[in-house]
Amino acid sequence: MTDRKTLATVWLDGCSGCHMSLLDMDERLIELSSQFVLLYSPLVDRKTFPERVDVTLVEGAVASEEDLKKIRRIREHTGVLVSLGDCALTGNVSAMRNTCGPQPVLLRVYQENVDLKQHVPTVGVPALLDRVRPVHEVVPVDVFVPGCPPSADTIYQVLSELLAGRVPTLGGVAHFG
């Protein structure tokens, strides 16, 4: 039997900068790896979210029907849900389309800025929500970690505390932007 926690990381609508900061922990990530088992992540090949995860780090905003379905399943199967980065906390850059809605954005990208085959795809592109939302507007969140992206030091502190069974305090360590 192991006393290692289970960990997942998820990428919704964002740039993957938070995952890059996670990897920027370098040797500290290896140090922490003795305390967790990574069950699900864009960094591994598992296709479905596990039945039970102790801690899940979520990067990105909820922008599509696919994101909405995914975050609800993740919340249902996660002990501690962490909103990681400004996109997960506020919607950030993805939410800029909230001022006009998804249709004008799709038209601009797939018709107005295209010379050949001008059409909005209906296959392979998830249906966009009317409004991009931060994670906590859709499901309850336990820990909020601001930053665009949060620094490797901040992520290390958060993970260290969570793996030790403590709620992290980020006063003076994390900030937006």
C-alpha atoms as a PDB file:
ATOM      1  CA  MET A   1       0.000   0.000   0.000  1.00  0.00           C
ATOM      2  CA  THR A   2       1.212   3.498  -0.786  1.00  0.00           C
ATOM      3  CA  ASP A   3       0.592   6.752   0.995  1.00  0.00           C
ATOM      4  CA  ARG A   4       1.320   8.759  -2.144  1.00  0.00           C
ATOM      5  CA  LYS A   5      -1.442  11.133  -3.236  1.00  0.00           C
ATOM      6  CA  THR A   6      -2.954  10.918  -6.690  1.00  0.00           C
ATOM      7  CA  LEU A   7      -2.536  13.970  -8.916  1.00  0.00           C
ATOM      8  CA  ALA A   8      -4.051  15.118 -12.191  1.00  0.00           C
ATOM      9  CA  THR A   9      -3.442  18.192 -14.309  1.00  0.00           C
ATOM     10  CA  VAL A  10      -5.947  19.485 -16.847  1.00  0.00           C
ATOM     11  CA  TRP A  11      -5.735  21.993 -19.659  1.00  0.00           C
ATOM     12  CA  LEU A  12      -8.994  23.679 -20.665  1.00  0.00           C
ATOM     13  CA  ASP A  13      -9.047  26.861 -22.807  1.00  0.00           C
ATOM     14  CA  GLY A  14      -5.678  28.517 -22.279  1.00  0.00           C
ATOM     15  CA  CYS A  15      -2.139  28.641 -23.590  1.00  0.00           C
ATOM     16  CA  SER A  16      -0.452  25.827 -21.571  1.00  0.00           C
ATOM     17  CA  GLY A  17       1.771  28.363 -19.807  1.00  0.00           C
ATOM     18  CA  CYS A  18       0.782  26.968 -16.409  1.00  0.00           C
ATOM     19  CA  HIS A  19       1.911  23.504 -17.466  1.00  0.00           C
ATOM     20  CA  MET A  20       5.187  25.024 -18.669  1.00  0.00           C
ATOM     21  CA  SER A  21       5.664  26.582 -15.206  1.00  0.00           C
ATOM     22  CA  LEU A  22       4.906  23.208 -13.638  1.00  0.00           C
ATOM     23  CA  LEU A  23       7.693  21.695 -15.735  1.00  0.00           C
ATOM     24  CA  ASP A  24       9.944  24.655 -14.835  1.00  0.00           C
ATOM     25  CA  MET A  25      10.106  23.263 -11.299  1.00  0.00           C
ATOM     26  CA  ASP A  26      12.852  21.063 -12.797  1.00  0.00           C
ATOM     27  CA  GLU A  27      14.488  18.853 -10.157  1.00  0.00           C
ATOM     28  CA  ARG A  28      11.921  19.933  -7.557  1.00  0.00           C
ATOM     29  CA  LEU A  29       9.288  18.136  -9.631  1.00  0.00           C
ATOM     30  CA  ILE A  30      11.339  14.960  -9.339  1.00  0.00           C
ATOM     31  CA  GLU A  31      11.664  15.556  -5.589  1.00  0.00           C
ATOM     32  CA  LEU A  32       7.880  15.907  -5.225  1.00  0.00           C
ATOM     33  CA  SER A  33       7.180  12.913  -7.467  1.00  0.00           C
ATOM     34  CA  SER A  34       7.945  10.551  -4.576  1.00  0.00           C
ATOM     35  CA  GLN A  35       4.806  11.944  -2.908  1.00  0.00           C
ATOM     36  CA  PHE A  36       2.320  11.545  -5.786  1.00  0.00           C
ATOM     37  CA  VAL A  37       1.219   9.391  -8.678  1.00  0.00           C
ATOM     38  CA  LEU A  38       0.328  11.360 -11.818  1.00  0.00           C
ATOM     39  CA  LEU A  39      -2.887   9.719 -13.050  1.00  0.00           C
ATOM     40  CA  TYR A  40      -4.029  12.145 -15.741  1.00  0.00           C
ATOM     41  CA  SER A  41      -2.445  15.055 -17.593  1.00  0.00           C
ATOM     42  CA  PRO A  42      -1.686  16.435 -21.051  1.00  0.00           C
ATOM     43  CA  LEU A  43       1.811  15.209 -20.158  1.00  0.00           C
ATOM     44  CA  VAL A  44       0.718  11.532 -20.122  1.00  0.00           C
ATOM     45  CA  ASP A  45      -1.282   9.375 -22.516  1.00  0.00           C
ATOM     46  CA  ARG A  46      -4.376   8.497 -20.469  1.00  0.00           C
ATOM     47  CA  LYS A  47      -7.557   9.384 -22.384  1.00  0.00           C
ATOM     48  CA  THR A  48     -10.230   9.378 -19.652  1.00  0.00           C
ATOM     49  CA  PHE A  49     -10.286  11.079 -16.283  1.00  0.00           C
ATOM     50  CA  PRO A  50      -9.899   8.569 -13.407  1.00  0.00           C
ATOM     51  CA  GLU A  51     -12.654   7.649 -10.972  1.00  0.00           C
ATOM     52  CA  ARG A  52     -10.875   9.274  -8.014  1.00  0.00           C
ATOM     53  CA  VAL A  53      -8.049  11.819  -7.800  1.00  0.00           C
ATOM     54  CA  ASP A  54      -6.806  13.498  -4.617  1.00  0.00           C
ATOM     55  CA  VAL A  55      -5.632  16.765  -6.222  1.00  0.00           C
ATOM     56  CA  THR A  56      -6.351  18.199  -9.674  1.00  0.00           C
ATOM     57  CA  LEU A  57      -4.683  21.318 -11.071  1.00  0.00           C
ATOM     58  CA  VAL A  58      -6.883  22.975 -13.715  1.00  0.00           C
ATOM     59  CA  GLU A  59      -5.407  25.431 -16.185  1.00  0.00           C
ATOM     60  CA  GLY A  60      -7.618  27.446 -18.531  1.00  0.00           C
ATOM     61  CA  ALA A  61     -11.130  28.811 -18.744  1.00  0.00           C
ATOM     62  CA  VAL A  62     -14.385  27.048 -19.546  1.00  0.00           C
ATOM     63  CA  ALA A  63     -15.038  28.136 -23.125  1.00  0.00           C
ATOM     64  CA  SER A  64     -16.717  25.212 -24.900  1.00  0.00           C
ATOM     65  CA  GLU A  65     -19.335  22.527 -24.325  1.00  0.00           C
ATOM     66  CA  GLU A  66     -16.441  20.071 -24.153  1.00  0.00           C
ATOM     67  CA  ASP A  67     -14.736  22.115 -21.389  1.00  0.00           C
ATOM     68  CA  LEU A  68     -18.009  22.288 -19.460  1.00  0.00           C
ATOM     69  CA  LYS A  69     -18.557  18.542 -19.583  1.00  0.00           C
ATOM     70  CA  LYS A  70     -14.934  17.869 -18.685  1.00  0.00           C
ATOM     71  CA  ILE A  71     -14.759  20.213 -15.651  1.00  0.00           C
ATOM     72  CA  ARG A  72     -17.986  18.821 -14.218  1.00  0.00           C
ATOM     73  CA  ARG A  73     -16.631  15.270 -14.431  1.00  0.00           C
ATOM     74  CA  ILE A  74     -13.308  16.374 -12.946  1.00  0.00           C
ATOM     75  CA  ARG A  75     -14.998  18.098  -9.992  1.00  0.00           C
ATOM     76  CA  GLU A  76     -17.124  15.029  -9.330  1.00  0.00           C
ATOM     77  CA  HIS A  77     -14.044  12.797  -9.158  1.00  0.00           C
ATOM     78  CA  THR A  78     -11.558  15.135  -7.418  1.00  0.00           C
ATOM     79  CA  GLY A  79     -10.893  15.722  -3.729  1.00  0.00           C
ATOM     80  CA  VAL A  80      -9.102  19.096  -3.975  1.00  0.00           C
ATOM     81  CA  LEU A  81      -9.649  21.160  -7.116  1.00  0.00           C
ATOM     82  CA  VAL A  82      -7.074  23.879  -7.817  1.00  0.00           C
ATOM     83  CA  SER A  83      -7.712  26.727 -10.277  1.00  0.00           C
ATOM     84  CA  LEU A  84      -4.225  27.302 -11.640  1.00  0.00           C
ATOM     85  CA  GLY A  85      -3.503  30.606 -13.354  1.00  0.00           C
ATOM     86  CA  ASP A  86      -5.407  33.686 -14.386  1.00  0.00           C
ATOM     87  CA  CYS A  87      -7.406  31.948 -17.156  1.00  0.00           C
ATOM     88  CA  ALA A  88      -8.876  29.484 -14.647  1.00  0.00           C
ATOM     89  CA  LEU A  89      -9.488  32.295 -12.113  1.00  0.00           C
ATOM     90  CA  THR A  90     -10.871  35.042 -14.364  1.00  0.00           C
ATOM     91  CA  GLY A  91     -11.205  33.762 -17.939  1.00  0.00           C
ATOM     92  CA  ASN A  92      -8.323  36.076 -18.855  1.00  0.00           C
ATOM     93  CA  VAL A  93      -7.522  36.333 -22.585  1.00  0.00           C
ATOM     94  CA  SER A  94     -10.067  33.692 -23.616  1.00  0.00           C
ATOM     95  CA  ALA A  95     -12.824  35.770 -22.021  1.00  0.00           C
ATOM     96  CA  MET A  96     -12.053  38.721 -24.296  1.00  0.00           C
ATOM     97  CA  ARG A  97     -14.584  37.247 -26.716  1.00  0.00           C
ATOM     98  CA  ASN A  98     -17.326  37.758 -24.086  1.00  0.00           C
ATOM     99  CA  THR A  99     -17.798  41.318 -25.352  1.00  0.00           C
ATOM    100  CA  CYS A 100     -19.017  40.095 -28.748  1.00  0.00           C
ATOM    101  CA  GLY A 101     -19.942  36.412 -28.389  1.00  0.00           C
ATOM    102  CA  PRO A 102     -18.588  33.364 -30.187  1.00  0.00           C
ATOM    103  CA  GLN A 103     -20.180  33.822 -33.635  1.00  0.00           C
ATOM    104  CA  PRO A 104     -18.334  37.031 -34.637  1.00  0.00           C
ATOM    105  CA  VAL A 105     -15.060  35.436 -33.494  1.00  0.00           C
ATOM    106  CA  LEU A 106     -15.682  32.291 -35.538  1.00  0.00           C
ATOM    107  CA  LEU A 107     -16.587  34.368 -38.603  1.00  0.00           C
ATOM    108  CA  ARG A 108     -13.472  36.527 -38.220  1.00  0.00           C
ATOM    109  CA  VAL A 109     -11.149  33.535 -37.833  1.00  0.00           C
ATOM    110  CA  TYR A 110     -12.643  31.122 -40.383  1.00  0.00           C
ATOM    111  CA  GLN A 111     -14.087  33.466 -43.032  1.00  0.00           C
ATOM    112  CA  GLU A 112     -12.813  37.034 -42.936  1.00  0.00           C
ATOM    113  CA  ASN A 113      -9.120  36.170 -42.439  1.00  0.00           C
ATOM    114  CA  VAL A 114      -9.044  33.244 -44.886  1.00  0.00           C
ATOM    115  CA  ASP A 115      -8.392  33.258 -48.617  1.00  0.00           C
ATOM    116  CA  LEU A 116      -9.231  29.622 -49.408  1.00  0.00           C
ATOM    117  CA  LYS A 117     -12.078  27.445 -48.134  1.00  0.00           C
ATOM    118  CA  GLN A 118     -13.820  30.122 -46.123  1.00  0.00           C
ATOM    119  CA  HIS A 119     -16.188  28.317 -43.760  1.00  0.00           C
ATOM    120  CA  VAL A 120     -16.773  27.847 -40.055  1.00  0.00           C
ATOM    121  CA  PRO A 121     -15.989  24.188 -39.322  1.00  0.00           C
ATOM    122  CA  THR A 122     -18.635  22.057 -37.654  1.00  0.00           C
ATOM    123  CA  VAL A 123     -16.560  18.879 -37.303  1.00  0.00           C
ATOM    124  CA  GLY A 124     -13.571  18.641 -34.972  1.00  0.00           C
ATOM    125  CA  VAL A 125     -14.206  21.993 -33.297  1.00  0.00           C
ATOM    126  CA  PRO A 126     -16.127  21.868 -30.010  1.00  0.00           C
ATOM    127  CA  ALA A 127     -19.243  24.017 -29.749  1.00  0.00           C
ATOM    128  CA  LEU A 128     -18.354  27.281 -28.025  1.00  0.00           C
ATOM    129  CA  LEU A 129     -20.324  28.514 -25.039  1.00  0.00           C
ATOM    130  CA  ASP A 130     -22.016  31.915 -25.327  1.00  0.00           C
ATOM    131  CA  ARG A 131     -19.668  33.187 -22.622  1.00  0.00           C
ATOM    132  CA  VAL A 132     -16.206  32.109 -21.431  1.00  0.00           C
ATOM    133  CA  ARG A 133     -16.304  31.456 -17.693  1.00  0.00           C
ATOM    134  CA  PRO A 134     -13.715  30.991 -14.964  1.00  0.00           C
ATOM    135  CA  VAL A 135     -13.741  27.543 -13.381  1.00  0.00           C
ATOM    136  CA  HIS A 136     -15.327  28.657 -10.074  1.00  0.00           C
ATOM    137  CA  GLU A 137     -18.416  29.930 -11.903  1.00  0.00           C
ATOM    138  CA  VAL A 138     -19.095  26.383 -13.079  1.00  0.00           C
ATOM    139  CA  VAL A 139     -17.948  24.133 -10.203  1.00  0.00           C
ATOM    140  CA  PRO A 140     -16.713  24.663  -6.634  1.00  0.00           C
ATOM    141  CA  VAL A 141     -12.969  25.344  -6.403  1.00  0.00           C
ATOM    142  CA  ASP A 142     -10.883  24.651  -3.287  1.00  0.00           C
ATOM    143  CA  VAL A 143      -7.640  26.532  -4.006  1.00  0.00           C
ATOM    144  CA  PHE A 144      -7.025  29.579  -6.235  1.00  0.00           C
ATOM    145  CA  VAL A 145      -3.518  30.181  -7.631  1.00  0.00           C
ATOM    146  CA  PRO A 146      -3.246  33.424  -9.640  1.00  0.00           C
ATOM    147  CA  GLY A 147      -0.556  34.250 -12.167  1.00  0.00           C
ATOM    148  CA  CYS A 148      -0.075  34.350 -15.909  1.00  0.00           C
ATOM    149  CA  PRO A 149       1.410  31.906 -15.474  1.00  0.00           C
ATOM    150  CA  PRO A 150       2.049  31.253 -11.788  1.00  0.00           C
ATOM    151  CA  SER A 151       5.775  30.901 -11.165  1.00  0.00           C
ATOM    152  CA  ALA A 152       7.396  27.509 -10.704  1.00  0.00           C
ATOM    153  CA  ASP A 153       8.134  28.569  -7.113  1.00  0.00           C
ATOM    154  CA  THR A 154       4.455  29.257  -6.453  1.00  0.00           C
ATOM    155  CA  ILE A 155       3.347  25.956  -7.978  1.00  0.00           C
ATOM    156  CA  TYR A 156       6.010  24.133  -5.959  1.00  0.00           C
ATOM    157  CA  GLN A 157       4.762  25.746  -2.736  1.00  0.00           C
ATOM    158  CA  VAL A 158       1.128  24.880  -3.547  1.00  0.00           C
ATOM    159  CA  LEU A 159       1.912  21.275  -4.450  1.00  0.00           C
ATOM    160  CA  SER A 160       4.176  20.805  -1.420  1.00  0.00           C
ATOM    161  CA  GLU A 161       1.424  21.975   0.914  1.00  0.00           C
ATOM    162  CA  LEU A 162      -1.335  19.969  -0.754  1.00  0.00           C
ATOM    163  CA  LEU A 163       0.750  16.790  -0.820  1.00  0.00           C
ATOM    164  CA  ALA A 164       1.426  17.278   2.903  1.00  0.00           C
ATOM    165  CA  GLY A 165      -2.326  17.520   3.475  1.00  0.00           C
ATOM    166  CA  ARG A 166      -2.341  21.259   4.184  1.00  0.00           C
ATOM    167  CA  VAL A 167      -4.204  24.114   2.544  1.00  0.00           C
ATOM    168  CA  PRO A 168      -1.631  26.420   0.930  1.00  0.00           C
ATOM    169  CA  THR A 169      -1.422  30.092   1.849  1.00  0.00           C
ATOM    170  CA  LEU A 170      -0.175  32.319  -0.930  1.00  0.00           C
ATOM    171  CA  GLY A 171       0.128  35.687   0.785  1.00  0.00           C
ATOM    172  CA  GLY A 172       2.986  37.611  -0.820  1.00  0.00           C
ATOM    173  CA  VAL A 173       3.914  34.714  -3.116  1.00  0.00           C
ATOM    174  CA  ALA A 174       1.313  34.730  -5.895  1.00  0.00           C
ATOM    175  CA  HIS A 175      -0.173  37.599  -7.862  1.00  0.00           C
ATOM    176  CA  PHE A 176      -2.256  38.190 -10.975  1.00  0.00           C
ATOM    177  CA  GLY A 177      -0.488  38.785 -14.272  1.00  0.00           C
END
